PDB file of N, CA and C in Angstrom:
ATOM      1  N   MET A   1      -2.326 -15.723  22.806  1.00  0.00           N
ATOM      2  CA  MET A   1      -2.063 -15.829  21.376  1.00  0.00           C
ATOM      3  C   MET A   1      -1.573 -14.476  20.854  1.00  0.00           C
ATOM      4  N   THR A   2      -0.610 -14.500  19.971  1.00  0.00           N
ATOM      5  CA  THR A   2      -0.084 -13.290  19.369  1.00  0.00           C
ATOM      6  C   THR A   2      -1.107 -12.701  18.413  1.00  0.00           C
ATOM      7  N   LYS A   3      -1.301 -11.398  18.503  1.00  0.00           N
ATOM      8  CA  LYS A   3      -2.178 -10.697  17.575  1.00  0.00           C
ATOM      9  C   LYS A   3      -1.323 -10.203  16.417  1.00  0.00           C
ATOM     10  N   PHE A   4      -1.907 -10.210  15.235  1.00  0.00           N
ATOM     11  CA  PHE A   4      -1.183  -9.807  14.039  1.00  0.00           C
ATOM     12  C   PHE A   4      -1.505  -8.364  13.667  1.00  0.00           C
ATOM     13  N   SER A   5      -0.530  -7.671  13.108  1.00  0.00           N
ATOM     14  CA  SER A   5      -0.699  -6.339  12.533  1.00  0.00           C
ATOM     15  C   SER A   5      -1.356  -5.336  13.467  1.00  0.00           C
ATOM     16  N   GLU A   6      -0.789  -5.171  14.638  1.00  0.00           N
ATOM     17  CA  GLU A   6      -1.260  -4.140  15.552  1.00  0.00           C
ATOM     18  C   GLU A   6      -0.435  -2.878  15.338  1.00  0.00           C
ATOM     19  N   SER A   7      -1.056  -1.736  15.510  1.00  0.00           N
ATOM     20  CA  SER A   7      -0.351  -0.476  15.330  1.00  0.00           C
ATOM     21  C   SER A   7       0.888  -0.400  16.213  1.00  0.00           C
ATOM     22  N   SER A   8       0.806  -0.956  17.402  1.00  0.00           N
ATOM     23  CA  SER A   8       1.940  -0.900  18.330  1.00  0.00           C
ATOM     24  C   SER A   8       3.141  -1.719  17.851  1.00  0.00           C
ATOM     25  N   ASP A   9       2.945  -2.586  16.858  1.00  0.00           N
ATOM     26  CA  ASP A   9       4.055  -3.385  16.332  1.00  0.00           C
ATOM     27  C   ASP A   9       5.132  -2.524  15.681  1.00  0.00           C
ATOM     28  N   LYS A  10       4.787  -1.278  15.369  1.00  0.00           N
ATOM     29  CA  LYS A  10       5.758  -0.397  14.714  1.00  0.00           C
ATOM     30  C   LYS A  10       7.022  -0.202  15.548  1.00  0.00           C
ATOM     31  N   HIS A  11       6.925  -0.429  16.852  1.00  0.00           N
ATOM     32  CA  HIS A  11       8.130  -0.247  17.672  1.00  0.00           C
ATOM     33  C   HIS A  11       9.206  -1.284  17.343  1.00  0.00           C
ATOM     34  N   PHE A  12       8.830  -2.356  16.653  1.00  0.00           N
ATOM     35  CA  PHE A  12       9.820  -3.356  16.241  1.00  0.00           C
ATOM     36  C   PHE A  12      10.690  -2.869  15.080  1.00  0.00           C
ATOM     37  N   ALA A  13      10.310  -1.751  14.476  1.00  0.00           N
ATOM     38  CA  ALA A  13      11.106  -1.196  13.376  1.00  0.00           C
ATOM     39  C   ALA A  13      12.538  -0.928  13.818  1.00  0.00           C
ATOM     40  N   LYS A  14      12.706  -0.503  15.065  1.00  0.00           N
ATOM     41  CA  LYS A  14      14.067  -0.216  15.556  1.00  0.00           C
ATOM     42  C   LYS A  14      14.940  -1.465  15.507  1.00  0.00           C
ATOM     43  N   ASP A  15      14.344  -2.636  15.728  1.00  0.00           N
ATOM     44  CA  ASP A  15      15.116  -3.880  15.660  1.00  0.00           C
ATOM     45  C   ASP A  15      15.602  -4.142  14.235  1.00  0.00           C
ATOM     46  N   ILE A  16      14.738  -3.874  13.275  1.00  0.00           N
ATOM     47  CA  ILE A  16      15.119  -4.062  11.868  1.00  0.00           C
ATOM     48  C   ILE A  16      16.190  -3.052  11.480  1.00  0.00           C
ATOM     49  N   ILE A  17      15.989  -1.795  11.883  1.00  0.00           N
ATOM     50  CA  ILE A  17      16.955  -0.741  11.555  1.00  0.00           C
ATOM     51  C   ILE A  17      18.323  -1.040  12.163  1.00  0.00           C
ATOM     52  N   GLU A  18      18.342  -1.538  13.387  1.00  0.00           N
ATOM     53  CA  GLU A  18      19.615  -1.880  14.035  1.00  0.00           C
ATOM     54  C   GLU A  18      20.276  -3.086  13.366  1.00  0.00           C
ATOM     55  N   ALA A  19      19.498  -4.084  13.001  1.00  0.00           N
ATOM     56  CA  ALA A  19      20.053  -5.319  12.455  1.00  0.00           C
ATOM     57  C   ALA A  19      20.427  -5.205  10.978  1.00  0.00           C
ATOM     58  N   ALA A  20      19.779  -4.300  10.263  1.00  0.00           N
ATOM     59  CA  ALA A  20      20.069  -4.112   8.831  1.00  0.00           C
ATOM     60  C   ALA A  20      20.201  -2.615   8.578  1.00  0.00           C
ATOM     61  N   SER A  21      21.158  -2.027   9.224  1.00  0.00           N
ATOM     62  CA  SER A  21      21.317  -0.572   9.243  1.00  0.00           C
ATOM     63  C   SER A  21      21.509   0.040   7.859  1.00  0.00           C
ATOM     64  N   ASN A  22      22.425  -0.471   7.070  1.00  0.00           N
ATOM     65  CA  ASN A  22      22.686   0.113   5.744  1.00  0.00           C
ATOM     66  C   ASN A  22      21.485  -0.007   4.827  1.00  0.00           C
ATOM     67  N   GLN A  23      20.870  -1.186   4.801  1.00  0.00           N
ATOM     68  CA  GLN A  23      19.704  -1.391   3.950  1.00  0.00           C
ATOM     69  C   GLN A  23      18.537  -0.522   4.408  1.00  0.00           C
ATOM     70  N   SER A  24      18.354  -0.420   5.719  1.00  0.00           N
ATOM     71  CA  SER A  24      17.268   0.399   6.263  1.00  0.00           C
ATOM     72  C   SER A  24      17.439   1.860   5.897  1.00  0.00           C
ATOM     73  N   LYS A  25      18.659   2.362   6.034  1.00  0.00           N
ATOM     74  CA  LYS A  25      18.922   3.763   5.681  1.00  0.00           C
ATOM     75  C   LYS A  25      18.639   4.011   4.203  1.00  0.00           C
ATOM     76  N   ALA A  26      19.059   3.086   3.349  1.00  0.00           N
ATOM     77  CA  ALA A  26      18.819   3.237   1.913  1.00  0.00           C
ATOM     78  C   ALA A  26      17.319   3.210   1.604  1.00  0.00           C
ATOM     79  N   TRP A  27      16.605   2.292   2.232  1.00  0.00           N
ATOM     80  CA  TRP A  27      15.161   2.177   2.002  1.00  0.00           C
ATOM     81  C   TRP A  27      14.437   3.426   2.485  1.00  0.00           C
ATOM     82  N   LEU A  28      14.795   3.905   3.676  1.00  0.00           N
ATOM     83  CA  LEU A  28      14.152   5.103   4.217  1.00  0.00           C
ATOM     84  C   LEU A  28      14.448   6.320   3.349  1.00  0.00           C
ATOM     85  N   LYS A  29      15.657   6.413   2.809  1.00  0.00           N
ATOM     86  CA  LYS A  29      16.005   7.524   1.911  1.00  0.00           C
ATOM     87  C   LYS A  29      15.179   7.436   0.622  1.00  0.00           C
ATOM     88  N   PHE A  30      15.010   6.227   0.112  1.00  0.00           N
ATOM     89  CA  PHE A  30      14.189   6.032  -1.091  1.00  0.00           C
ATOM     90  C   PHE A  30      12.750   6.474  -0.823  1.00  0.00           C
ATOM     91  N   ILE A  31      12.184   6.033   0.291  1.00  0.00           N
ATOM     92  CA  ILE A  31      10.816   6.412   0.650  1.00  0.00           C
ATOM     93  C   ILE A  31      10.706   7.933   0.757  1.00  0.00           C
ATOM     94  N   GLU A  32      11.680   8.549   1.389  1.00  0.00           N
ATOM     95  CA  GLU A  32      11.680  10.008   1.537  1.00  0.00           C
ATOM     96  C   GLU A  32      11.683  10.691   0.172  1.00  0.00           C
ATOM     97  N   GLN A  33      12.523  10.212  -0.741  1.00  0.00           N
ATOM     98  CA  GLN A  33      12.608  10.820  -2.070  1.00  0.00           C
ATOM     99  C   GLN A  33      11.309  10.659  -2.854  1.00  0.00           C
ATOM    100  N   VAL A  34      10.657   9.541  -2.694  1.00  0.00           N
ATOM    101  CA  VAL A  34       9.409   9.292  -3.427  1.00  0.00           C
ATOM    102  C   VAL A  34       8.245  10.063  -2.798  1.00  0.00           C
ATOM    103  N   GLU A  35       8.142  10.015  -1.488  1.00  0.00           N
ATOM    104  CA  GLU A  35       6.968  10.578  -0.821  1.00  0.00           C
ATOM    105  C   GLU A  35       7.090  12.063  -0.495  1.00  0.00           C
ATOM    106  N   ASP A  36       8.284  12.530  -0.181  1.00  0.00           N
ATOM    107  CA  ASP A  36       8.424  13.877   0.354  1.00  0.00           C
ATOM    108  C   ASP A  36       8.908  14.916  -0.648  1.00  0.00           C
ATOM    109  N   VAL A  37       9.413  14.486  -1.781  1.00  0.00           N
ATOM    110  CA  VAL A  37       9.892  15.443  -2.768  1.00  0.00           C
ATOM    111  C   VAL A  37       8.689  15.946  -3.575  1.00  0.00           C
ATOM    112  N   GLU A  38       8.628  17.262  -3.743  1.00  0.00           N
ATOM    113  CA  GLU A  38       7.518  17.858  -4.479  1.00  0.00           C
ATOM    114  C   GLU A  38       7.540  17.419  -5.937  1.00  0.00           C
ATOM    115  N   THR A  39       6.367  17.064  -6.444  1.00  0.00           N
ATOM    116  CA  THR A  39       6.216  16.662  -7.842  1.00  0.00           C
ATOM    117  C   THR A  39       5.035  17.410  -8.436  1.00  0.00           C
ATOM    118  N   ASN A  40       4.687  17.070  -9.665  1.00  0.00           N
ATOM    119  CA  ASN A  40       3.528  17.684 -10.316  1.00  0.00           C
ATOM    120  C   ASN A  40       2.211  17.154  -9.757  1.00  0.00           C
ATOM    121  N   ILE A  41       2.257  16.091  -8.975  1.00  0.00           N
ATOM    122  CA  ILE A  41       1.054  15.539  -8.372  1.00  0.00           C
ATOM    123  C   ILE A  41       0.857  16.192  -7.009  1.00  0.00           C
ATOM    124  N   PRO A  42      -0.292  16.834  -6.786  1.00  0.00           N
ATOM    125  CA  PRO A  42      -0.537  17.442  -5.477  1.00  0.00           C
ATOM    126  C   PRO A  42      -0.450  16.401  -4.359  1.00  0.00           C
ATOM    127  N   THR A  43       0.009  16.829  -3.201  1.00  0.00           N
ATOM    128  CA  THR A  43       0.239  15.911  -2.078  1.00  0.00           C
ATOM    129  C   THR A  43      -1.016  15.131  -1.700  1.00  0.00           C
ATOM    130  N   LYS A  44      -2.179  15.776  -1.704  1.00  0.00           N
ATOM    131  CA  LYS A  44      -3.411  15.066  -1.358  1.00  0.00           C
ATOM    132  C   LYS A  44      -3.636  13.895  -2.314  1.00  0.00           C
ATOM    133  N   TYR A  45      -3.402  14.111  -3.588  1.00  0.00           N
ATOM    134  CA  TYR A  45      -3.588  13.039  -4.567  1.00  0.00           C
ATOM    135  C   TYR A  45      -2.557  11.933  -4.390  1.00  0.00           C
ATOM    136  N   LYS A  46      -1.321  12.322  -4.059  1.00  0.00           N
ATOM    137  CA  LYS A  46      -0.294  11.312  -3.787  1.00  0.00           C
ATOM    138  C   LYS A  46      -0.717  10.436  -2.609  1.00  0.00           C
ATOM    139  N   GLU A  47      -1.325  11.054  -1.596  1.00  0.00           N
ATOM    140  CA  GLU A  47      -1.779  10.279  -0.439  1.00  0.00           C
ATOM    141  C   GLU A  47      -2.946   9.368  -0.800  1.00  0.00           C
ATOM    142  N   LEU A  48      -3.866   9.841  -1.624  1.00  0.00           N
ATOM    143  CA  LEU A  48      -4.973   8.980  -2.056  1.00  0.00           C
ATOM    144  C   LEU A  48      -4.447   7.810  -2.889  1.00  0.00           C
ATOM    145  N   ILE A  49      -3.479   8.068  -3.758  1.00  0.00           N
ATOM    146  CA  ILE A  49      -2.848   6.987  -4.525  1.00  0.00           C
ATOM    147  C   ILE A  49      -2.189   6.001  -3.564  1.00  0.00           C
ATOM    148  N   SER A  50      -1.487   6.531  -2.571  1.00  0.00           N
ATOM    149  CA  SER A  50      -0.812   5.675  -1.594  1.00  0.00           C
ATOM    150  C   SER A  50      -1.813   4.810  -0.828  1.00  0.00           C
ATOM    151  N   ILE A  51      -2.969   5.375  -0.497  1.00  0.00           N
ATOM    152  CA  ILE A  51      -4.005   4.582   0.177  1.00  0.00           C
ATOM    153  C   ILE A  51      -4.459   3.439  -0.724  1.00  0.00           C
ATOM    154  N   GLY A  52      -4.721   3.740  -1.991  1.00  0.00           N
ATOM    155  CA  GLY A  52      -5.151   2.696  -2.925  1.00  0.00           C
ATOM    156  C   GLY A  52      -4.125   1.580  -3.040  1.00  0.00           C
ATOM    157  N   ILE A  53      -2.864   1.939  -3.103  1.00  0.00           N
ATOM    158  CA  ILE A  53      -1.804   0.930  -3.198  1.00  0.00           C
ATOM    159  C   ILE A  53      -1.703   0.151  -1.898  1.00  0.00           C
ATOM    160  N   ALA A  54      -1.778   0.853  -0.764  1.00  0.00           N
ATOM    161  CA  ALA A  54      -1.706   0.175   0.531  1.00  0.00           C
ATOM    162  C   ALA A  54      -2.854  -0.824   0.699  1.00  0.00           C
ATOM    163  N   LEU A  55      -4.022  -0.469   0.184  1.00  0.00           N
ATOM    164  CA  LEU A  55      -5.154  -1.395   0.262  1.00  0.00           C
ATOM    165  C   LEU A  55      -4.909  -2.641  -0.586  1.00  0.00           C
ATOM    166  N   THR A  56      -4.363  -2.454  -1.783  1.00  0.00           N
ATOM    167  CA  THR A  56      -4.152  -3.609  -2.652  1.00  0.00           C
ATOM    168  C   THR A  56      -2.974  -4.461  -2.210  1.00  0.00           C
ATOM    169  N   THR A  57      -1.989  -3.854  -1.554  1.00  0.00           N
ATOM    170  CA  THR A  57      -0.870  -4.642  -1.023  1.00  0.00           C
ATOM    171  C   THR A  57      -1.158  -5.130   0.390  1.00  0.00           C
ATOM    172  N   GLN A  58      -2.261  -4.670   0.958  1.00  0.00           N
ATOM    173  CA  GLN A  58      -2.744  -5.092   2.272  1.00  0.00           C
ATOM    174  C   GLN A  58      -1.743  -4.803   3.387  1.00  0.00           C
ATOM    175  N   CYS A  59      -1.231  -3.579   3.388  1.00  0.00           N
ATOM    176  CA  CYS A  59      -0.286  -3.161   4.426  1.00  0.00           C
ATOM    177  C   CYS A  59      -1.015  -2.292   5.443  1.00  0.00           C
ATOM    178  N   PRO A  60      -1.363  -2.840   6.604  1.00  0.00           N
ATOM    179  CA  PRO A  60      -2.120  -2.056   7.575  1.00  0.00           C
ATOM    180  C   PRO A  60      -1.366  -0.829   8.084  1.00  0.00           C
ATOM    181  N   TYR A  61      -0.048  -0.912   8.165  1.00  0.00           N
ATOM    182  CA  TYR A  61       0.739   0.220   8.646  1.00  0.00           C
ATOM    183  C   TYR A  61       0.723   1.345   7.613  1.00  0.00           C
ATOM    184  N   CYS A  62       0.799   0.986   6.343  1.00  0.00           N
ATOM    185  CA  CYS A  62       0.736   1.982   5.269  1.00  0.00           C
ATOM    186  C   CYS A  62      -0.653   2.613   5.212  1.00  0.00           C
ATOM    187  N   ILE A  63      -1.686   1.801   5.386  1.00  0.00           N
ATOM    188  CA  ILE A  63      -3.044   2.329   5.388  1.00  0.00           C
ATOM    189  C   ILE A  63      -3.189   3.362   6.501  1.00  0.00           C
ATOM    190  N   GLU A  64      -2.747   3.006   7.704  1.00  0.00           N
ATOM    191  CA  GLU A  64      -2.850   3.917   8.841  1.00  0.00           C
ATOM    192  C   GLU A  64      -2.102   5.227   8.567  1.00  0.00           C
ATOM    193  N   LYS A  65      -0.873   5.113   8.082  1.00  0.00           N
ATOM    194  CA  LYS A  65      -0.042   6.293   7.828  1.00  0.00           C
ATOM    195  C   LYS A  65      -0.666   7.194   6.773  1.00  0.00           C
ATOM    196  N   HIS A  66      -1.079   6.602   5.650  1.00  0.00           N
ATOM    197  CA  HIS A  66      -1.535   7.423   4.529  1.00  0.00           C
ATOM    198  C   HIS A  66      -2.953   7.954   4.727  1.00  0.00           C
ATOM    199  N   ILE A  67      -3.772   7.274   5.523  1.00  0.00           N
ATOM    200  CA  ILE A  67      -5.071   7.846   5.891  1.00  0.00           C
ATOM    201  C   ILE A  67      -4.837   9.115   6.706  1.00  0.00           C
ATOM    202  N   SER A  68      -3.931   9.028   7.661  1.00  0.00           N
ATOM    203  CA  SER A  68      -3.622  10.186   8.502  1.00  0.00           C
ATOM    204  C   SER A  68      -3.090  11.349   7.659  1.00  0.00           C
ATOM    205  N   LEU A  69      -2.142  11.059   6.770  1.00  0.00           N
ATOM    206  CA  LEU A  69      -1.562  12.112   5.934  1.00  0.00           C
ATOM    207  C   LEU A  69      -2.588  12.678   4.953  1.00  0.00           C
ATOM    208  N   ALA A  70      -3.460  11.826   4.419  1.00  0.00           N
ATOM    209  CA  ALA A  70      -4.500  12.298   3.493  1.00  0.00           C
ATOM    210  C   ALA A  70      -5.463  13.239   4.220  1.00  0.00           C
ATOM    211  N   LYS A  71      -5.823  12.890   5.435  1.00  0.00           N
ATOM    212  CA  LYS A  71      -6.704  13.768   6.219  1.00  0.00           C
ATOM    213  C   LYS A  71      -6.029  15.110   6.478  1.00  0.00           C
ATOM    214  N   GLU A  72      -4.732  15.078   6.797  1.00  0.00           N
ATOM    215  CA  GLU A  72      -3.984  16.327   6.999  1.00  0.00           C
ATOM    216  C   GLU A  72      -4.004  17.191   5.743  1.00  0.00           C
ATOM    217  N   GLU A  73      -4.019  16.546   4.580  1.00  0.00           N
ATOM    218  CA  GLU A  73      -4.015  17.261   3.302  1.00  0.00           C
ATOM    219  C   GLU A  73      -5.424  17.642   2.851  1.00  0.00           C
ATOM    220  N   GLY A  74      -6.423  17.349   3.693  1.00  0.00           N
ATOM    221  CA  GLY A  74      -7.781  17.774   3.389  1.00  0.00           C
ATOM    222  C   GLY A  74      -8.635  16.767   2.645  1.00  0.00           C
ATOM    223  N   ALA A  75      -8.173  15.520   2.550  1.00  0.00           N
ATOM    224  CA  ALA A  75      -8.983  14.497   1.873  1.00  0.00           C
ATOM    225  C   ALA A  75     -10.262  14.262   2.675  1.00  0.00           C
ATOM    226  N   SER A  76     -11.374  14.211   1.969  1.00  0.00           N
ATOM    227  CA  SER A  76     -12.660  14.004   2.616  1.00  0.00           C
ATOM    228  C   SER A  76     -12.953  12.513   2.775  1.00  0.00           C
ATOM    229  N   LYS A  77     -13.936  12.215   3.598  1.00  0.00           N
ATOM    230  CA  LYS A  77     -14.381  10.834   3.770  1.00  0.00           C
ATOM    231  C   LYS A  77     -14.846  10.277   2.428  1.00  0.00           C
ATOM    232  N   GLU A  78     -15.498  11.108   1.616  1.00  0.00           N
ATOM    233  CA  GLU A  78     -15.989  10.675   0.305  1.00  0.00           C
ATOM    234  C   GLU A  78     -14.830  10.352  -0.646  1.00  0.00           C
ATOM    235  N   GLU A  79     -13.775  11.155  -0.609  1.00  0.00           N
ATOM    236  CA  GLU A  79     -12.606  10.878  -1.459  1.00  0.00           C
ATOM    237  C   GLU A  79     -11.925   9.587  -1.030  1.00  0.00           C
ATOM    238  N   ILE A  80     -11.835   9.374   0.264  1.00  0.00           N
ATOM    239  CA  ILE A  80     -11.214   8.141   0.756  1.00  0.00           C
ATOM    240  C   ILE A  80     -12.085   6.944   0.402  1.00  0.00           C
ATOM    241  N   ALA A  81     -13.404   7.080   0.528  1.00  0.00           N
ATOM    242  CA  ALA A  81     -14.309   5.989   0.160  1.00  0.00           C
ATOM    243  C   ALA A  81     -14.202   5.673  -1.327  1.00  0.00           C
ATOM    244  N   ALA A  82     -14.121   6.702  -2.169  1.00  0.00           N
ATOM    245  CA  ALA A  82     -13.974   6.479  -3.607  1.00  0.00           C
ATOM    246  C   ALA A  82     -12.656   5.769  -3.910  1.00  0.00           C
ATOM    247  N   THR A  83     -11.599   6.148  -3.202  1.00  0.00           N
ATOM    248  CA  THR A  83     -10.300   5.497  -3.358  1.00  0.00           C
ATOM    249  C   THR A  83     -10.394   4.021  -2.978  1.00  0.00           C
ATOM    250  N   ILE A  84     -11.094   3.736  -1.886  1.00  0.00           N
ATOM    251  CA  ILE A  84     -11.289   2.349  -1.455  1.00  0.00           C
ATOM    252  C   ILE A  84     -11.999   1.550  -2.537  1.00  0.00           C
ATOM    253  N   MET A  85     -13.030   2.124  -3.132  1.00  0.00           N
ATOM    254  CA  MET A  85     -13.797   1.397  -4.151  1.00  0.00           C
ATOM    255  C   MET A  85     -12.987   1.205  -5.433  1.00  0.00           C
ATOM    256  N   ILE A  86     -12.155   2.178  -5.793  1.00  0.00           N
ATOM    257  CA  ILE A  86     -11.273   2.012  -6.959  1.00  0.00           C
ATOM    258  C   ILE A  86     -10.306   0.863  -6.699  1.00  0.00           C
ATOM    259  N   ALA A  87      -9.708   0.829  -5.512  1.00  0.00           N
ATOM    260  CA  ALA A  87      -8.788  -0.262  -5.167  1.00  0.00           C
ATOM    261  C   ALA A  87      -9.506  -1.600  -5.193  1.00  0.00           C
ATOM    262  N   ALA A  88     -10.732  -1.638  -4.691  1.00  0.00           N
ATOM    263  CA  ALA A  88     -11.506  -2.887  -4.677  1.00  0.00           C
ATOM    264  C   ALA A  88     -11.794  -3.355  -6.099  1.00  0.00           C
ATOM    265  N   ALA A  89     -12.147  -2.428  -6.972  1.00  0.00           N
ATOM    266  CA  ALA A  89     -12.440  -2.789  -8.363  1.00  0.00           C
ATOM    267  C   ALA A  89     -11.193  -3.321  -9.062  1.00  0.00           C
ATOM    268  N   LEU A  90     -10.060  -2.658  -8.835  1.00  0.00           N
ATOM    269  CA  LEU A  90      -8.817  -3.113  -9.463  1.00  0.00           C
ATOM    270  C   LEU A  90      -8.379  -4.451  -8.905  1.00  0.00           C
ATOM    271  N   ARG A  91      -8.571  -4.631  -7.616  1.00  0.00           N
ATOM    272  CA  ARG A  91      -8.200  -5.903  -6.986  1.00  0.00           C
ATOM    273  C   ARG A  91      -9.033  -7.045  -7.575  1.00  0.00           C
ATOM    274  N   SER A  92     -10.318  -6.802  -7.751  1.00  0.00           N
ATOM    275  CA  SER A  92     -11.153  -7.859  -8.332  1.00  0.00           C
ATOM    276  C   SER A  92     -10.793  -8.081  -9.800  1.00  0.00           C
ATOM    277  N   GLY A  93     -10.410  -7.015 -10.483  1.00  0.00           N
ATOM    278  CA  GLY A  93      -9.970  -7.156 -11.867  1.00  0.00           C
ATOM    279  C   GLY A  93      -8.719  -8.010 -11.970  1.00  0.00           C
ATOM    280  N   ALA A  94      -7.824  -7.849 -11.002  1.00  0.00           N
ATOM    281  CA  ALA A  94      -6.602  -8.665 -10.983  1.00  0.00           C
ATOM    282  C   ALA A  94      -6.946 -10.132 -10.768  1.00  0.00           C
ATOM    283  N   ALA A  95      -7.948 -10.397  -9.929  1.00  0.00           N
ATOM    284  CA  ALA A  95      -8.370 -11.789  -9.714  1.00  0.00           C
ATOM    285  C   ALA A  95      -8.888 -12.375 -11.017  1.00  0.00           C
ATOM    286  N   LEU A  96      -9.636 -11.604 -11.782  1.00  0.00           N
ATOM    287  CA  LEU A  96     -10.128 -12.079 -13.072  1.00  0.00           C
ATOM    288  C   LEU A  96      -8.956 -12.314 -14.029  1.00  0.00           C
ATOM    289  N   GLY A  97      -7.978 -11.407 -14.006  1.00  0.00           N
ATOM    290  CA  GLY A  97      -6.802 -11.572 -14.861  1.00  0.00           C
ATOM    291  C   GLY A  97      -6.065 -12.868 -14.555  1.00  0.00           C
ATOM    292  N   TYR A  98      -5.911 -13.183 -13.279  1.00  0.00           N
ATOM    293  CA  TYR A  98      -5.274 -14.450 -12.910  1.00  0.00           C
ATOM    294  C   TYR A  98      -6.195 -15.627 -13.192  1.00  0.00           C
ATOM    295  N   GLY A  99      -7.496 -15.357 -13.203  1.00  0.00           N
ATOM    296  CA  GLY A  99      -8.440 -16.394 -13.613  1.00  0.00           C
ATOM    297  C   GLY A  99      -8.220 -16.802 -15.061  1.00  0.00           C
ATOM    298  N   LEU A 100      -7.893 -15.844 -15.911  1.00  0.00           N
ATOM    299  CA  LEU A 100      -7.570 -16.153 -17.311  1.00  0.00           C
ATOM    300  C   LEU A 100      -6.363 -17.085 -17.379  1.00  0.00           C
ATOM    301  N   LEU A 101      -5.360 -16.787 -16.550  1.00  0.00           N
ATOM    302  CA  LEU A 101      -4.171 -17.628 -16.504  1.00  0.00           C
ATOM    303  C   LEU A 101      -4.519 -19.036 -16.009  1.00  0.00           C
ATOM    304  N   ALA A 102      -5.388 -19.113 -15.011  1.00  0.00           N
ATOM    305  CA  ALA A 102      -5.814 -20.420 -14.496  1.00  0.00           C
ATOM    306  C   ALA A 102      -6.511 -21.233 -15.580  1.00  0.00           C
ATOM    307  N   MET A 103      -7.381 -20.579 -16.345  1.00  0.00           N
ATOM    308  CA  MET A 103      -8.065 -21.287 -17.430  1.00  0.00           C
ATOM    309  C   MET A 103      -7.070 -21.737 -18.498  1.00  0.00           C
ATOM    310  N   LYS A 104      -6.063 -20.907 -18.762  1.00  0.00           N
ATOM    311  CA  LYS A 104      -5.016 -21.264 -19.723  1.00  0.00           C
ATOM    312  C   LYS A 104      -4.301 -22.532 -19.257  1.00  0.00           C
ATOM    313  N   PHE A 105      -3.912 -22.562 -17.959  1.00  0.00           N
ATOM    314  CA  PHE A 105      -3.241 -23.739 -17.412  1.00  0.00           C
ATOM    315  C   PHE A 105      -4.142 -24.969 -17.487  1.00  0.00           C
ATOM    316  N   TYR A 106      -5.410 -24.784 -17.168  1.00  0.00           N
ATOM    317  CA  TYR A 106      -6.366 -25.886 -17.217  1.00  0.00           C
ATOM    318  C   TYR A 106      -6.459 -26.454 -18.631  1.00  0.00           C
ATOM    319  N   LYS A 107      -6.565 -25.548 -19.578  1.00  0.00           N
ATOM    320  CA  LYS A 107      -6.703 -25.967 -20.979  1.00  0.00           C
ATOM    321  C   LYS A 107      -5.431 -26.676 -21.456  1.00  0.00           C
ATOM    322  N   GLU A 108      -4.273 -26.149 -21.068  1.00  0.00           N
ATOM    323  CA  GLU A 108      -3.009 -26.778 -21.472  1.00  0.00           C
ATOM    324  C   GLU A 108      -2.878 -28.175 -20.885  1.00  0.00           C
ATOM    325  N   GLU A 109      -3.352 -28.359 -19.672  1.00  0.00           N
ATOM    326  CA  GLU A 109      -3.307 -29.685 -19.032  1.00  0.00           C
ATOM    327  C   GLU A 109      -4.235 -30.683 -19.735  1.00  0.00           C
ATOM    328  N   SER A 110      -5.271 -30.179 -20.386  1.00  0.00           N
ATOM    329  CA  SER A 110      -6.245 -31.041 -21.053  1.00  0.00           C
ATOM    330  C   SER A 110      -5.763 -31.499 -22.419  1.00  0.00           C
ATOM    331  N   GLU A 111      -4.795 -30.807 -22.963  1.00  0.00           N
ATOM    332  CA  GLU A 111      -4.321 -31.129 -24.325  1.00  0.00           C
ATOM    333  C   GLU A 111      -3.335 -32.271 -24.336  1.00  0.00           C
TER     334      GLU A 111
END
C-alpha cells in the first residue's frame, strides 16, 4: 500500500518542475521573495508564523522545513509548542465560525 506524505516524497518535486517549468520557476521565485527577503519581522518569528500556517494548512513538508529553519534561528521547544497551541486554538475557532454558517443554513432550510 502506498504511504502518504513521506519526507522522501519530496524527490517528486523534480517531476513537477520539469512538467510545469514556467509556473514552478514563478512559484519558487515568489516563495524566495516572501521567505528570504529581509523584513521588519525577525527571521525566527517568520519561521514560527510559518509553522503555525503549515499546521493549519496541514502541509507536512512545510512543517518539516519550517521546524528545521526555526531551530536554526534559535526557536525553543517552548516557543514551538506555544505556536502549535495558537494554531490549534485558531483552527478550532475556524470550526466554530463555520458552525455559525451551518446553523444559518439549517435555519434558512427551516423557513
